[in-house]
Amino acid sequence: MSSMRINRAIAQAGVCSRRAAEQLISSGQVRVNDKVVTDLATTVDIRRDRIKVRGKLLHFGFKQHYYVYYKPRGIVSTMQDELGRQSVGELCATLPGSPRPVGRLDRASEGLMLLCSDGELANRMTHPRYGVSKEYRVTVRPRLSEAHAQQMVDGVQLEDGEAHFNTVELVSLERDRSRLNIELTEGRNRIIRRVCEALGYEVLRLKRQRFGPLVLDKLSPGEHRAMTAGEVRSLRRALKLEK
């Protein structure tokens, strides 16, 4: 199907998510056949219409690219960093398909990231409406009490509202610390660290092990691999982008 809403076409070209595309359209940064388009209901034919975003002509014939990446600690999970720190974008610039990082991990955290050029898939992986779950291995100090573990599931009040984890599972105990598996669908910035800090715990290590159906497998910090066609199909089916 080549006829679609303008925001969907921009997302399909891998520029950004549909929501971000709507902002570009509303701000007059999108042209269709050399005319500025600001109506979000505009329909385009991606085979015939010339669509430009910020002056760049979109191409729809390219193959989408998908990578699983183990972000090490100390790397910023953005395309570039205004403070000049090393970012995931430096890796993306070397990969075919101009992928972008999907899903944030703060600089002190590590683990699984998806890098892809599929804007619509990226939107579904991160938008709260789709409820994609994530699993983290978290080390906290001191030992986590049973009462606080239950409170993390029941709800902890933060400055921007109550936060809930889906599950909190104890992996191991040491003299002064606990290792946990935490599953959540929350997407707010630094949500695990903020919940732990609110209850009086220091997060010593935070590693994302799973993002939706994607897992780290045997990747080491800094390594990446291209996803197989079967993995991409499974991921798209899980996100209801394909039957």
Protein backbone atom coordinates (compact mmCIF):
# COMPACT_ATOMS: atom_id res chain seq x y z
CA MET A 1 0.00 0.00 0.00
CA SER A 2 1.62 3.25 -1.14
CA SER A 3 -1.06 5.74 -0.02
CA MET A 4 -0.94 6.73 3.66
CA ARG A 5 -1.05 9.60 6.17
CA ILE A 6 1.94 11.92 5.95
CA ASN A 7 3.13 11.18 9.51
CA ARG A 8 3.11 7.43 8.83
CA ALA A 9 5.10 7.94 5.62
CA ILE A 10 7.77 9.93 7.48
CA ALA A 11 8.00 7.20 10.15
CA GLN A 12 8.21 4.49 7.49
CA ALA A 13 11.14 6.30 5.91
CA GLY A 14 12.95 5.89 9.23
CA VAL A 15 13.15 9.61 10.04
CA CYS A 16 11.40 9.43 13.42
CA SER A 17 8.27 8.15 15.15
CA ARG A 18 4.77 9.16 14.04
CA ARG A 19 4.39 11.46 17.04
CA ALA A 20 7.67 13.23 16.30
CA ALA A 21 6.62 13.46 12.64
CA GLU A 22 3.45 15.27 13.66
CA GLN A 23 5.57 17.91 15.38
CA LEU A 24 7.68 18.35 12.24
CA ILE A 25 4.53 18.74 10.13
CA SER A 26 2.87 21.21 12.50
CA SER A 27 6.03 23.34 12.60
CA GLY A 28 6.16 23.65 8.80
CA GLN A 29 9.25 21.51 8.25
CA VAL A 30 7.61 19.10 5.78
CA ARG A 31 7.02 19.68 2.07
CA VAL A 32 5.05 17.52 -0.36
CA ASN A 33 5.77 18.24 -4.01
CA ASP A 34 7.51 21.48 -2.95
CA LYS A 35 4.51 22.76 -0.95
CA VAL A 36 4.64 23.14 2.83
CA VAL A 37 2.18 20.77 4.53
CA THR A 38 0.87 21.46 8.04
CA ASP A 39 -2.38 19.46 7.97
CA LEU A 40 -1.85 16.20 9.89
CA ALA A 41 -4.63 14.54 7.88
CA THR A 42 -2.72 14.94 4.60
CA THR A 43 -2.47 11.71 2.60
CA VAL A 44 0.49 11.01 0.32
CA ASP A 45 1.46 8.39 -2.22
CA ILE A 46 5.03 7.41 -1.40
CA ARG A 47 5.56 6.05 -4.92
CA ARG A 48 4.62 9.29 -6.66
CA ASP A 49 4.87 12.22 -4.22
CA ARG A 50 8.16 13.96 -3.40
CA ILE A 51 8.31 14.35 0.35
CA LYS A 52 10.96 16.47 2.01
CA VAL A 53 11.67 16.81 5.74
CA ARG A 54 13.88 19.75 6.70
CA GLY A 55 14.84 20.01 3.05
CA LYS A 56 15.92 16.36 2.70
CA LEU A 57 14.12 14.18 0.17
CA LEU A 58 12.79 10.95 1.63
CA HIS A 59 13.45 7.59 -0.02
CA PHE A 60 11.24 4.58 0.62
CA GLY A 61 12.96 1.87 -1.36
CA PHE A 62 15.78 1.19 1.08
CA LYS A 63 16.00 -1.87 3.28
CA GLN A 64 15.34 -1.37 6.97
CA HIS A 65 18.22 -2.29 9.29
CA TYR A 66 18.00 -3.66 12.82
CA TYR A 67 20.80 -4.30 15.34
CA VAL A 68 21.06 -5.53 18.92
CA TYR A 69 23.72 -3.61 20.87
CA TYR A 70 25.23 -4.02 24.34
CA LYS A 71 25.72 -0.44 25.53
CA PRO A 72 28.60 -0.23 28.01
CA ARG A 73 28.60 2.05 31.02
CA GLY A 74 29.92 5.52 30.27
CA ILE A 75 28.25 5.83 26.84
CA VAL A 76 25.41 8.32 26.30
CA SER A 77 22.43 6.69 24.56
CA THR A 78 21.75 9.53 22.10
CA MET A 79 22.86 10.32 18.56
CA GLN A 80 25.19 13.02 19.85
CA ASP A 81 26.02 14.65 23.15
CA GLU A 82 26.22 18.40 23.60
CA LEU A 83 28.96 17.93 26.22
CA GLY A 84 31.13 15.98 23.81
CA ARG A 85 30.85 12.66 25.64
CA GLN A 86 30.99 9.38 23.71
CA SER A 87 27.53 8.50 22.38
CA VAL A 88 25.70 5.60 20.74
CA GLY A 89 25.36 7.82 17.66
CA GLU A 90 29.06 7.31 16.93
CA LEU A 91 28.41 3.60 16.40
CA CYS A 92 25.20 4.27 14.44
CA ALA A 93 27.16 6.46 12.00
CA THR A 94 29.31 3.45 11.04
CA LEU A 95 26.42 1.04 10.42
CA PRO A 96 24.46 0.51 7.17
CA GLY A 97 20.96 1.96 7.09
CA SER A 98 21.54 4.98 9.37
CA PRO A 99 19.99 3.32 12.44
CA ARG A 100 19.03 5.26 15.56
CA PRO A 101 19.01 4.15 19.22
CA VAL A 102 15.63 2.99 20.54
CA GLY A 103 14.91 3.23 24.26
CA ARG A 104 17.02 5.18 26.71
CA LEU A 105 19.67 3.90 29.08
CA ASP A 106 21.37 6.51 31.26
CA ARG A 107 25.12 6.95 31.04
CA ALA A 108 25.82 4.95 34.20
CA SER A 109 23.69 2.00 33.03
CA GLU A 110 24.51 -0.77 30.58
CA GLY A 111 22.84 -3.47 28.56
CA LEU A 112 20.54 -4.12 25.64
CA MET A 113 19.66 -1.42 23.14
CA LEU A 114 17.90 -1.73 19.80
CA LEU A 115 19.39 0.26 16.92
CA CYS A 116 17.15 0.48 13.85
CA SER A 117 16.03 2.64 10.93
CA ASP A 118 12.35 1.61 11.28
CA GLY A 119 10.61 4.63 12.79
CA GLU A 120 7.23 2.97 13.30
CA LEU A 121 8.76 -0.05 15.06
CA ALA A 122 10.83 2.28 17.25
CA ASN A 123 7.65 4.13 18.23
CA ARG A 124 5.90 0.92 19.27
CA MET A 125 8.88 -0.24 21.29
CA THR A 126 8.91 2.94 23.38
CA HIS A 127 5.38 4.42 23.44
CA PRO A 128 3.58 3.74 26.77
CA ARG A 129 0.42 2.77 24.87
CA TYR A 130 2.03 -0.49 23.69
CA GLY A 131 3.28 -1.53 27.13
CA VAL A 132 6.52 -3.18 26.03
CA SER A 133 8.16 -4.76 29.08
CA LYS A 134 11.84 -4.53 29.99
CA GLU A 135 13.89 -6.60 32.40
CA TYR A 136 16.91 -5.37 34.36
CA ARG A 137 19.55 -6.95 36.63
CA VAL A 138 20.03 -4.44 39.44
CA THR A 139 22.48 -4.43 42.34
CA VAL A 140 21.51 -2.23 45.31
CA ARG A 141 23.12 -1.37 48.65
CA PRO A 142 22.22 -2.10 51.46
CA ARG A 143 20.21 -5.33 51.38
CA LEU A 144 16.69 -4.88 50.04
CA SER A 145 14.00 -5.61 52.61
CA GLU A 146 10.94 -7.70 51.71
CA ALA A 147 8.73 -4.76 52.63
CA HIS A 148 10.50 -2.43 50.21
CA ALA A 149 10.46 -5.07 47.46
CA GLN A 150 6.67 -5.27 47.83
CA GLN A 151 6.41 -1.48 47.92
CA MET A 152 8.23 -1.27 44.57
CA VAL A 153 5.43 -3.38 43.08
CA ASP A 154 2.59 -1.68 44.97
CA GLY A 155 3.83 1.83 44.17
CA VAL A 156 6.40 4.41 45.25
CA GLN A 157 5.50 8.09 45.15
CA LEU A 158 7.92 10.26 43.14
CA GLU A 159 7.84 13.96 42.31
CA ASP A 160 6.20 13.22 38.93
CA GLY A 161 3.72 10.60 40.16
CA GLU A 162 3.57 7.08 41.51
CA ALA A 163 5.87 4.44 40.00
CA HIS A 164 5.27 0.69 39.87
CA PHE A 165 7.46 -2.25 38.90
CA ASN A 166 5.77 -5.32 37.43
CA THR A 167 7.92 -7.75 39.41
CA VAL A 168 10.91 -7.67 41.77
CA GLU A 169 12.78 -10.99 42.10
CA LEU A 170 15.68 -11.59 44.48
CA VAL A 171 18.64 -13.20 42.66
CA SER A 172 21.26 -13.21 45.43
CA LEU A 173 22.17 -11.68 48.78
CA GLU A 174 25.56 -10.55 50.06
CA ARG A 175 26.53 -8.97 53.36
CA ASP A 176 25.69 -5.42 52.32
CA ARG A 177 23.85 -5.68 49.00
CA SER A 178 21.14 -7.43 46.97
CA ARG A 179 20.99 -8.49 43.33
CA LEU A 180 17.55 -8.27 41.77
CA ASN A 181 15.68 -8.88 38.56
CA ILE A 182 13.23 -6.05 37.96
CA GLU A 183 10.60 -6.09 35.22
CA LEU A 184 8.66 -2.98 34.28
CA THR A 185 6.83 -1.25 31.47
CA GLU A 186 7.47 2.27 32.85
CA GLY A 187 9.44 4.52 30.52
CA ARG A 188 10.14 7.56 32.67
CA ASN A 189 13.73 8.77 32.85
CA ARG A 190 15.93 6.96 35.44
CA ILE A 191 12.83 5.34 36.95
CA ILE A 192 14.61 2.41 38.63
CA ARG A 193 17.31 4.59 40.16
CA ARG A 194 14.75 7.12 41.38
CA VAL A 195 12.55 4.48 43.02
CA CYS A 196 15.53 2.89 44.75
CA GLU A 197 16.84 6.25 45.93
CA ALA A 198 13.40 7.19 47.27
CA LEU A 199 13.48 4.07 49.46
CA GLY A 200 17.04 4.69 50.67
CA TYR A 201 19.03 2.39 48.36
CA GLU A 202 22.08 3.09 46.22
CA VAL A 203 22.10 1.48 42.77
CA LEU A 204 25.56 0.00 42.24
CA ARG A 205 24.90 -1.58 38.87
CA LEU A 206 21.99 -1.55 36.41
CA LYS A 207 21.92 -3.75 33.32
CA ARG A 208 19.04 -4.15 30.85
CA GLN A 209 18.80 -7.85 29.94
CA ARG A 210 15.60 -7.85 27.90
CA PHE A 211 13.67 -5.30 25.83
CA GLY A 212 10.35 -6.72 24.68
CA PRO A 213 11.21 -10.09 23.08
CA LEU A 214 14.86 -9.08 22.49
CA VAL A 215 17.61 -10.45 24.76
CA LEU A 216 21.35 -9.80 25.02
CA ASP A 217 22.39 -13.41 24.35
CA LYS A 218 26.19 -13.66 24.45
CA LEU A 219 27.07 -10.10 23.53
CA SER A 220 29.81 -8.41 25.56
CA PRO A 221 29.87 -4.70 26.41
CA GLY A 222 30.40 -2.64 23.25
CA GLU A 223 29.46 -5.48 20.87
CA HIS A 224 26.58 -5.41 18.40
CA ARG A 225 25.06 -7.75 15.83
CA ALA A 226 22.57 -7.48 12.99
CA MET A 227 19.21 -9.09 13.69
CA THR A 228 18.22 -11.99 11.44
CA ALA A 229 15.21 -11.75 9.14
CA GLY A 230 13.40 -14.25 11.37
CA GLU A 231 14.08 -12.15 14.48
CA VAL A 232 12.79 -9.04 12.74
CA ARG A 233 9.59 -10.82 11.65
CA SER A 234 9.04 -12.13 15.18
CA LEU A 235 9.59 -8.67 16.65
CA ARG A 236 7.20 -7.04 14.18
CA ARG A 237 4.57 -9.68 14.89
CA ALA A 238 4.98 -9.15 18.66
CA LEU A 239 4.36 -5.43 18.09
CA LYS A 240 1.35 -6.20 15.82
CA LEU A 241 3.01 -4.61 12.80
CA GLU A 242 2.65 -7.88 10.89
CA LYS A 243 0.26 -10.84 11.10
